[in-house]
């Protein structure tokens, strides 16, 4: 796979993670040409506030690094019983 295809796939990625029908995490990845930035909105469990907390930004030198971070995060959340959309 060429890096151009990988970059396009990563830059378009938006994942929403839910547990029991409630949002848990929203992951976004942006391509800035020379670096890839992943940030997250985290919805704390048990809090009545609908405002998420922000985690990140996590900065990567390559699209592959950003994609690996997102994929690993999503896998960990699935293991914890969350659903990914």
PDB file of N, CA and C in Angstrom:
ATOM      1  N   UNK A   1       0.854  -1.166   0.000  1.00  0.00           N
ATOM      2  CA  UNK A   1       0.000   0.000   0.000  1.00  0.00           C
ATOM      3  C   UNK A   1       0.901   1.230   0.000  1.00  0.00           C
ATOM      4  N   UNK A   2       0.619   2.195  -0.855  1.00  0.00           N
ATOM      5  CA  UNK A   2       1.432   3.404  -0.899  1.00  0.00           C
ATOM      6  C   UNK A   2       1.100   4.308   0.273  1.00  0.00           C
ATOM      7  N   UNK A   3       2.049   5.179   0.637  1.00  0.00           N
ATOM      8  CA  UNK A   3       1.816   6.069   1.775  1.00  0.00           C
ATOM      9  C   UNK A   3       0.678   7.040   1.487  1.00  0.00           C
ATOM     10  N   UNK A   4       0.456   7.407   0.233  1.00  0.00           N
ATOM     11  CA  UNK A   4      -0.631   8.309  -0.110  1.00  0.00           C
ATOM     12  C   UNK A   4      -1.982   7.680   0.232  1.00  0.00           C
ATOM     13  N   UNK A   5      -2.144   6.410  -0.083  1.00  0.00           N
ATOM     14  CA  UNK A   5      -3.390   5.721   0.235  1.00  0.00           C
ATOM     15  C   UNK A   5      -3.561   5.611   1.743  1.00  0.00           C
ATOM     16  N   UNK A   6      -2.485   5.282   2.454  1.00  0.00           N
ATOM     17  CA  UNK A   6      -2.542   5.158   3.909  1.00  0.00           C
ATOM     18  C   UNK A   6      -2.908   6.491   4.541  1.00  0.00           C
ATOM     19  N   UNK A   7      -2.286   7.565   4.101  1.00  0.00           N
ATOM     20  CA  UNK A   7      -2.564   8.888   4.653  1.00  0.00           C
ATOM     21  C   UNK A   7      -4.028   9.248   4.443  1.00  0.00           C
ATOM     22  N   UNK A   8      -4.553   9.002   3.259  1.00  0.00           N
ATOM     23  CA  UNK A   8      -5.957   9.320   2.995  1.00  0.00           C
ATOM     24  C   UNK A   8      -6.869   8.530   3.912  1.00  0.00           C
ATOM     25  N   UNK A   9      -6.564   7.250   4.133  1.00  0.00           N
ATOM     26  CA  UNK A   9      -7.403   6.423   4.994  1.00  0.00           C
ATOM     27  C   UNK A   9      -7.361   6.922   6.430  1.00  0.00           C
ATOM     28  N   UNK A  10      -6.190   7.329   6.907  1.00  0.00           N
ATOM     29  CA  UNK A  10      -6.063   7.795   8.283  1.00  0.00           C
ATOM     30  C   UNK A  10      -6.703   9.162   8.451  1.00  0.00           C
ATOM     31  N   UNK A  11      -6.512  10.058   7.497  1.00  0.00           N
ATOM     32  CA  UNK A  11      -7.027  11.415   7.663  1.00  0.00           C
ATOM     33  C   UNK A  11      -8.550  11.456   7.657  1.00  0.00           C
ATOM     34  N   UNK A  12      -9.200  10.461   7.079  1.00  0.00           N
ATOM     35  CA  UNK A  12     -10.653  10.424   7.032  1.00  0.00           C
ATOM     36  C   UNK A  12     -11.278   9.686   8.215  1.00  0.00           C
ATOM     37  N   UNK A  13     -10.445   9.109   9.058  1.00  0.00           N
ATOM     38  CA  UNK A  13     -10.931   8.238  10.120  1.00  0.00           C
ATOM     39  C   UNK A  13     -11.631   9.014  11.231  1.00  0.00           C
ATOM     40  N   UNK A  14     -12.827   8.605  11.551  1.00  0.00           N
ATOM     41  CA  UNK A  14     -13.550   9.099  12.722  1.00  0.00           C
ATOM     42  C   UNK A  14     -14.229   7.879  13.324  1.00  0.00           C
ATOM     43  N   UNK A  15     -13.924   7.596  14.581  1.00  0.00           N
ATOM     44  CA  UNK A  15     -14.532   6.448  15.253  1.00  0.00           C
ATOM     45  C   UNK A  15     -15.242   6.905  16.508  1.00  0.00           C
ATOM     46  N   UNK A  16     -16.426   6.373  16.716  1.00  0.00           N
ATOM     47  CA  UNK A  16     -17.184   6.647  17.923  1.00  0.00           C
ATOM     48  C   UNK A  16     -17.320   5.334  18.677  1.00  0.00           C
ATOM     49  N   UNK A  17     -16.945   5.363  19.945  1.00  0.00           N
ATOM     50  CA  UNK A  17     -16.982   4.183  20.791  1.00  0.00           C
ATOM     51  C   UNK A  17     -18.104   4.358  21.800  1.00  0.00           C
ATOM     52  N   UNK A  18     -18.939   3.322  21.929  1.00  0.00           N
ATOM     53  CA  UNK A  18     -20.066   3.391  22.858  1.00  0.00           C
ATOM     54  C   UNK A  18     -20.072   2.173  23.773  1.00  0.00           C
ATOM     55  N   UNK A  19     -20.653   2.363  24.936  1.00  0.00           N
ATOM     56  CA  UNK A  19     -20.886   1.250  25.850  1.00  0.00           C
ATOM     57  C   UNK A  19     -22.276   1.451  26.422  1.00  0.00           C
ATOM     58  N   UNK A  20     -23.099   0.412  26.339  1.00  0.00           N
ATOM     59  CA  UNK A  20     -24.485   0.466  26.799  1.00  0.00           C
ATOM     60  C   UNK A  20     -25.241   1.617  26.143  1.00  0.00           C
ATOM     61  N   UNK A  21     -24.948   1.879  24.859  1.00  0.00           N
ATOM     62  CA  UNK A  21     -25.632   2.917  24.099  1.00  0.00           C
ATOM     63  C   UNK A  21     -25.199   4.332  24.422  1.00  0.00           C
ATOM     64  N   UNK A  22     -24.217   4.491  25.269  1.00  0.00           N
ATOM     65  CA  UNK A  22     -23.740   5.811  25.677  1.00  0.00           C
ATOM     66  C   UNK A  22     -22.354   6.039  25.085  1.00  0.00           C
ATOM     67  N   UNK A  23     -22.079   7.260  24.552  1.00  0.00           N
ATOM     68  CA  UNK A  23     -20.740   7.515  24.012  1.00  0.00           C
ATOM     69  C   UNK A  23     -19.672   7.404  25.094  1.00  0.00           C
ATOM     70  N   UNK A  24     -18.543   6.830  24.735  1.00  0.00           N
ATOM     71  CA  UNK A  24     -17.416   6.692  25.654  1.00  0.00           C
ATOM     72  C   UNK A  24     -16.235   7.519  25.136  1.00  0.00           C
ATOM     73  N   UNK A  25     -15.901   7.320  23.859  1.00  0.00           N
ATOM     74  CA  UNK A  25     -14.765   8.013  23.247  1.00  0.00           C
ATOM     75  C   UNK A  25     -15.088   8.315  21.788  1.00  0.00           C
ATOM     76  N   UNK A  26     -14.632   9.463  21.325  1.00  0.00           N
ATOM     77  CA  UNK A  26     -14.677   9.792  19.901  1.00  0.00           C
ATOM     78  C   UNK A  26     -13.237  10.090  19.481  1.00  0.00           C
ATOM     79  N   UNK A  27     -12.722   9.334  18.520  1.00  0.00           N
ATOM     80  CA  UNK A  27     -11.347   9.494  18.029  1.00  0.00           C
ATOM     81  C   UNK A  27     -11.349  10.204  16.690  1.00  0.00           C
ATOM     82  N   UNK A  28     -10.459  11.166  16.539  1.00  0.00           N
ATOM     83  CA  UNK A  28     -10.288  11.863  15.269  1.00  0.00           C
ATOM     84  C   UNK A  28      -8.811  11.888  14.917  1.00  0.00           C
ATOM     85  N   UNK A  29      -8.515  11.798  13.645  1.00  0.00           N
ATOM     86  CA  UNK A  29      -7.137  11.860  13.174  1.00  0.00           C
ATOM     87  C   UNK A  29      -7.061  12.853  12.025  1.00  0.00           C
ATOM     88  N   UNK A  30      -6.098  13.771  12.101  1.00  0.00           N
ATOM     89  CA  UNK A  30      -5.951  14.783  11.052  1.00  0.00           C
ATOM     90  C   UNK A  30      -4.559  14.704  10.441  1.00  0.00           C
ATOM     91  N   UNK A  31      -4.503  14.867   9.130  1.00  0.00           N
ATOM     92  CA  UNK A  31      -3.254  14.852   8.370  1.00  0.00           C
ATOM     93  C   UNK A  31      -2.830  16.303   8.135  1.00  0.00           C
ATOM     94  N   UNK A  32      -1.680  16.684   8.690  1.00  0.00           N
ATOM     95  CA  UNK A  32      -1.157  18.029   8.488  1.00  0.00           C
ATOM     96  C   UNK A  32      -0.008  18.053   7.496  1.00  0.00           C
ATOM     97  N   UNK A  33       0.158  16.983   6.744  1.00  0.00           N
ATOM     98  CA  UNK A  33       1.186  16.920   5.711  1.00  0.00           C
ATOM     99  C   UNK A  33       2.539  16.461   6.222  1.00  0.00           C
ATOM    100  N   UNK A  34       2.983  16.961   7.349  1.00  0.00           N
ATOM    101  CA  UNK A  34       4.280  16.579   7.908  1.00  0.00           C
ATOM    102  C   UNK A  34       4.124  15.841   9.238  1.00  0.00           C
ATOM    103  N   UNK A  35       2.911  15.803   9.752  1.00  0.00           N
ATOM    104  CA  UNK A  35       2.630  15.051  10.967  1.00  0.00           C
ATOM    105  C   UNK A  35       1.149  14.691  11.000  1.00  0.00           C
ATOM    106  N   UNK A  36       0.818  13.686  11.790  1.00  0.00           N
ATOM    107  CA  UNK A  36      -0.556  13.221  11.933  1.00  0.00           C
ATOM    108  C   UNK A  36      -0.930  13.371  13.395  1.00  0.00           C
ATOM    109  N   UNK A  37      -2.080  13.949  13.646  1.00  0.00           N
ATOM    110  CA  UNK A  37      -2.498  14.261  15.006  1.00  0.00           C
ATOM    111  C   UNK A  37      -3.790  13.520  15.319  1.00  0.00           C
ATOM    112  N   UNK A  38      -3.790  12.779  16.418  1.00  0.00           N
ATOM    113  CA  UNK A  38      -4.982  12.080  16.897  1.00  0.00           C
ATOM    114  C   UNK A  38      -5.425  12.784  18.164  1.00  0.00           C
ATOM    115  N   UNK A  39      -6.701  13.120  18.240  1.00  0.00           N
ATOM    116  CA  UNK A  39      -7.241  13.626  19.492  1.00  0.00           C
ATOM    117  C   UNK A  39      -8.526  12.890  19.810  1.00  0.00           C
ATOM    118  N   UNK A  40      -8.909  12.948  21.068  1.00  0.00           N
ATOM    119  CA  UNK A  40     -10.044  12.163  21.543  1.00  0.00           C
ATOM    120  C   UNK A  40     -10.936  13.020  22.423  1.00  0.00           C
ATOM    121  N   UNK A  41     -12.218  12.790  22.316  1.00  0.00           N
ATOM    122  CA  UNK A  41     -13.183  13.301  23.284  1.00  0.00           C
ATOM    123  C   UNK A  41     -13.553  12.112  24.149  1.00  0.00           C
ATOM    124  N   UNK A  42     -13.385  12.257  25.456  1.00  0.00           N
ATOM    125  CA  UNK A  42     -13.647  11.170  26.392  1.00  0.00           C
ATOM    126  C   UNK A  42     -14.833  11.565  27.258  1.00  0.00           C
ATOM    127  N   UNK A  43     -15.843  10.706  27.281  1.00  0.00           N
ATOM    128  CA  UNK A  43     -17.041  10.940  28.077  1.00  0.00           C
ATOM    129  C   UNK A  43     -16.935  10.110  29.351  1.00  0.00           C
ATOM    130  N   UNK A  44     -16.610  10.741  30.487  1.00  0.00           N
ATOM    131  CA  UNK A  44     -16.414   9.988  31.734  1.00  0.00           C
ATOM    132  C   UNK A  44     -17.676   9.255  32.180  1.00  0.00           C
ATOM    133  N   UNK A  45     -17.500   8.032  32.629  1.00  0.00           N
ATOM    134  CA  UNK A  45     -18.617   7.221  33.122  1.00  0.00           C
ATOM    135  C   UNK A  45     -19.097   7.771  34.453  1.00  0.00           C
ATOM    136  N   UNK A  46     -20.400   7.737  34.650  1.00  0.00           N
ATOM    137  CA  UNK A  46     -20.977   8.125  35.920  1.00  0.00           C
ATOM    138  C   UNK A  46     -21.125   9.617  36.134  1.00  0.00           C
ATOM    139  N   UNK A  47     -20.684  10.439  35.181  1.00  0.00           N
ATOM    140  CA  UNK A  47     -20.843  11.880  35.328  1.00  0.00           C
ATOM    141  C   UNK A  47     -22.070  12.333  34.568  1.00  0.00           C
ATOM    142  N   UNK A  48     -22.803  13.257  35.141  1.00  0.00           N
ATOM    143  CA  UNK A  48     -24.018  13.747  34.512  1.00  0.00           C
ATOM    144  C   UNK A  48     -23.725  14.757  33.410  1.00  0.00           C
ATOM    145  N   UNK A  49     -22.536  15.330  33.402  1.00  0.00           N
ATOM    146  CA  UNK A  49     -22.177  16.314  32.399  1.00  0.00           C
ATOM    147  C   UNK A  49     -22.131  15.663  31.018  1.00  0.00           C
ATOM    148  N   UNK A  50     -22.665  16.356  30.022  1.00  0.00           N
ATOM    149  CA  UNK A  50     -22.602  15.842  28.658  1.00  0.00           C
ATOM    150  C   UNK A  50     -21.348  16.348  27.948  1.00  0.00           C
ATOM    151  N   UNK A  51     -20.593  17.233  28.586  1.00  0.00           N
ATOM    152  CA  UNK A  51     -19.376  17.765  27.980  1.00  0.00           C
ATOM    153  C   UNK A  51     -18.235  16.766  28.131  1.00  0.00           C
ATOM    154  N   UNK A  52     -17.635  16.375  27.017  1.00  0.00           N
ATOM    155  CA  UNK A  52     -16.514  15.430  27.103  1.00  0.00           C
ATOM    156  C   UNK A  52     -15.232  16.135  27.534  1.00  0.00           C
ATOM    157  N   UNK A  53     -14.293  15.343  28.000  1.00  0.00           N
ATOM    158  CA  UNK A  53     -12.943  15.828  28.269  1.00  0.00           C
ATOM    159  C   UNK A  53     -12.099  15.518  27.045  1.00  0.00           C
ATOM    160  N   UNK A  54     -11.120  16.340  26.775  1.00  0.00           N
ATOM    161  CA  UNK A  54     -10.259  16.125  25.620  1.00  0.00           C
ATOM    162  C   UNK A  54      -8.988  15.408  26.051  1.00  0.00           C
ATOM    163  N   UNK A  55      -8.609  14.391  25.280  1.00  0.00           N
ATOM    164  CA  UNK A  55      -7.348  13.689  25.487  1.00  0.00           C
ATOM    165  C   UNK A  55      -6.497  13.888  24.241  1.00  0.00           C
ATOM    166  N   UNK A  56      -5.255  14.155  24.437  1.00  0.00           N
ATOM    167  CA  UNK A  56      -4.372  14.417  23.304  1.00  0.00           C
ATOM    168  C   UNK A  56      -4.103  15.903  23.220  1.00  0.00           C
ATOM    169  N   UNK A  57      -3.548  16.354  22.182  1.00  0.00           N
ATOM    170  CA  UNK A  57      -3.296  15.643  20.933  1.00  0.00           C
ATOM    171  C   UNK A  57      -2.101  14.703  21.037  1.00  0.00           C
ATOM    172  N   UNK A  58      -2.199  13.618  20.303  1.00  0.00           N
ATOM    173  CA  UNK A  58      -1.114  12.659  20.170  1.00  0.00           C
ATOM    174  C   UNK A  58      -0.548  12.848  18.768  1.00  0.00           C
ATOM    175  N   UNK A  59       0.709  13.205  18.665  1.00  0.00           N
ATOM    176  CA  UNK A  59       1.325  13.573  17.386  1.00  0.00           C
ATOM    177  C   UNK A  59       2.233  12.437  16.911  1.00  0.00           C
ATOM    178  N   UNK A  60       2.091  12.089  15.625  1.00  0.00           N
ATOM    179  CA  UNK A  60       2.865  11.008  15.016  1.00  0.00           C
ATOM    180  C   UNK A  60       3.572  11.513  13.775  1.00  0.00           C
ATOM    181  N   UNK A  61       4.773  10.988  13.537  1.00  0.00           N
ATOM    182  CA  UNK A  61       5.553  11.364  12.355  1.00  0.00           C
ATOM    183  C   UNK A  61       5.050  10.698  11.089  1.00  0.00           C
ATOM    184  N   UNK A  62       4.363   9.555  11.243  1.00  0.00           N
ATOM    185  CA  UNK A  62       3.900   8.819  10.072  1.00  0.00           C
ATOM    186  C   UNK A  62       2.414   8.477  10.199  1.00  0.00           C
ATOM    187  N   UNK A  63       1.784   8.280   9.064  1.00  0.00           N
ATOM    188  CA  UNK A  63       0.378   7.850   9.045  1.00  0.00           C
ATOM    189  C   UNK A  63       0.248   6.468   9.663  1.00  0.00           C
ATOM    190  N   UNK A  64       1.241   5.627   9.426  1.00  0.00           N
ATOM    191  CA  UNK A  64       1.198   4.272   9.971  1.00  0.00           C
ATOM    192  C   UNK A  64       1.198   4.303  11.495  1.00  0.00           C
ATOM    193  N   UNK A  65       1.997   5.186  12.097  1.00  0.00           N
ATOM    194  CA  UNK A  65       2.033   5.311  13.549  1.00  0.00           C
ATOM    195  C   UNK A  65       0.696   5.762  14.117  1.00  0.00           C
ATOM    196  N   UNK A  66       0.072   6.733  13.462  1.00  0.00           N
ATOM    197  CA  UNK A  66      -1.243   7.215  13.894  1.00  0.00           C
ATOM    198  C   UNK A  66      -2.290   6.119  13.764  1.00  0.00           C
ATOM    199  N   UNK A  67      -2.265   5.397  12.650  1.00  0.00           N
ATOM    200  CA  UNK A  67      -3.235   4.328  12.429  1.00  0.00           C
ATOM    201  C   UNK A  67      -3.054   3.205  13.454  1.00  0.00           C
ATOM    202  N   UNK A  68      -1.811   2.863  13.761  1.00  0.00           N
ATOM    203  CA  UNK A  68      -1.544   1.819  14.754  1.00  0.00           C
ATOM    204  C   UNK A  68      -2.069   2.239  16.135  1.00  0.00           C
ATOM    205  N   UNK A  69      -1.874   3.505  16.494  1.00  0.00           N
ATOM    206  CA  UNK A  69      -2.380   4.017  17.771  1.00  0.00           C
ATOM    207  C   UNK A  69      -3.903   3.912  17.834  1.00  0.00           C
ATOM    208  N   UNK A  70      -4.576   4.351  16.770  1.00  0.00           N
ATOM    209  CA  UNK A  70      -6.038   4.301  16.732  1.00  0.00           C
ATOM    210  C   UNK A  70      -6.522   2.856  16.764  1.00  0.00           C
ATOM    211  N   UNK A  71      -5.929   1.992  15.940  1.00  0.00           N
ATOM    212  CA  UNK A  71      -6.353   0.586  15.901  1.00  0.00           C
ATOM    213  C   UNK A  71      -6.170  -0.093  17.258  1.00  0.00           C
ATOM    214  N   UNK A  72      -5.041   0.158  17.911  1.00  0.00           N
ATOM    215  CA  UNK A  72      -4.775  -0.441  19.219  1.00  0.00           C
ATOM    216  C   UNK A  72      -5.752   0.089  20.266  1.00  0.00           C
ATOM    217  N   UNK A  73      -6.034   1.375  20.221  1.00  0.00           N
ATOM    218  CA  UNK A  73      -6.997   1.972  21.154  1.00  0.00           C
ATOM    219  C   UNK A  73      -8.383   1.365  20.967  1.00  0.00           C
ATOM    220  N   UNK A  74      -8.799   1.216  19.720  1.00  0.00           N
ATOM    221  CA  UNK A  74     -10.120   0.647  19.444  1.00  0.00           C
ATOM    222  C   UNK A  74     -10.197  -0.804  19.896  1.00  0.00           C
ATOM    223  N   UNK A  75      -9.136  -1.574  19.681  1.00  0.00           N
ATOM    224  CA  UNK A  75      -9.104  -2.966  20.125  1.00  0.00           C
ATOM    225  C   UNK A  75      -9.217  -3.043  21.647  1.00  0.00           C
ATOM    226  N   UNK A  76      -8.474  -2.209  22.356  1.00  0.00           N
ATOM    227  CA  UNK A  76      -8.531  -2.211  23.821  1.00  0.00           C
ATOM    228  C   UNK A  76      -9.939  -1.870  24.306  1.00  0.00           C
ATOM    229  N   UNK A  77     -10.576  -0.900  23.674  1.00  0.00           N
ATOM    230  CA  UNK A  77     -11.934  -0.521  24.077  1.00  0.00           C
ATOM    231  C   UNK A  77     -12.937  -1.636  23.775  1.00  0.00           C
ATOM    232  N   UNK A  78     -12.748  -2.369  22.669  1.00  0.00           N
ATOM    233  CA  UNK A  78     -13.615  -3.506  22.369  1.00  0.00           C
ATOM    234  C   UNK A  78     -13.442  -4.593  23.414  1.00  0.00           C
ATOM    235  N   UNK A  79     -12.222  -4.841  23.850  1.00  0.00           N
ATOM    236  CA  UNK A  79     -11.960  -5.848  24.889  1.00  0.00           C
ATOM    237  C   UNK A  79     -12.674  -5.453  26.179  1.00  0.00           C
ATOM    238  N   UNK A  80     -12.780  -4.152  26.437  1.00  0.00           N
ATOM    239  CA  UNK A  80     -13.476  -3.658  27.633  1.00  0.00           C
ATOM    240  C   UNK A  80     -14.999  -3.630  27.480  1.00  0.00           C
ATOM    241  N   UNK A  81     -15.510  -4.138  26.342  1.00  0.00           N
ATOM    242  CA  UNK A  81     -16.949  -4.267  26.158  1.00  0.00           C
ATOM    243  C   UNK A  81     -17.620  -3.128  25.423  1.00  0.00           C
ATOM    244  N   UNK A  82     -16.842  -2.268  24.785  1.00  0.00           N
ATOM    245  CA  UNK A  82     -17.416  -1.151  24.051  1.00  0.00           C
ATOM    246  C   UNK A  82     -17.707  -1.570  22.605  1.00  0.00           C
ATOM    247  N   UNK A  83     -18.640  -0.878  21.985  1.00  0.00           N
ATOM    248  CA  UNK A  83     -18.923  -1.113  20.566  1.00  0.00           C
ATOM    249  C   UNK A  83     -18.368   0.049  19.766  1.00  0.00           C
ATOM    250  N   UNK A  84     -17.870  -0.258  18.576  1.00  0.00           N
ATOM    251  CA  UNK A  84     -17.208   0.716  17.722  1.00  0.00           C
ATOM    252  C   UNK A  84     -18.094   1.016  16.520  1.00  0.00           C
ATOM    253  N   UNK A  85     -18.253   2.304  16.215  1.00  0.00           N
ATOM    254  CA  UNK A  85     -19.004   2.668  15.001  1.00  0.00           C
ATOM    255  C   UNK A  85     -18.260   3.739  14.239  1.00  0.00           C
TER     256      UNK A  85
END
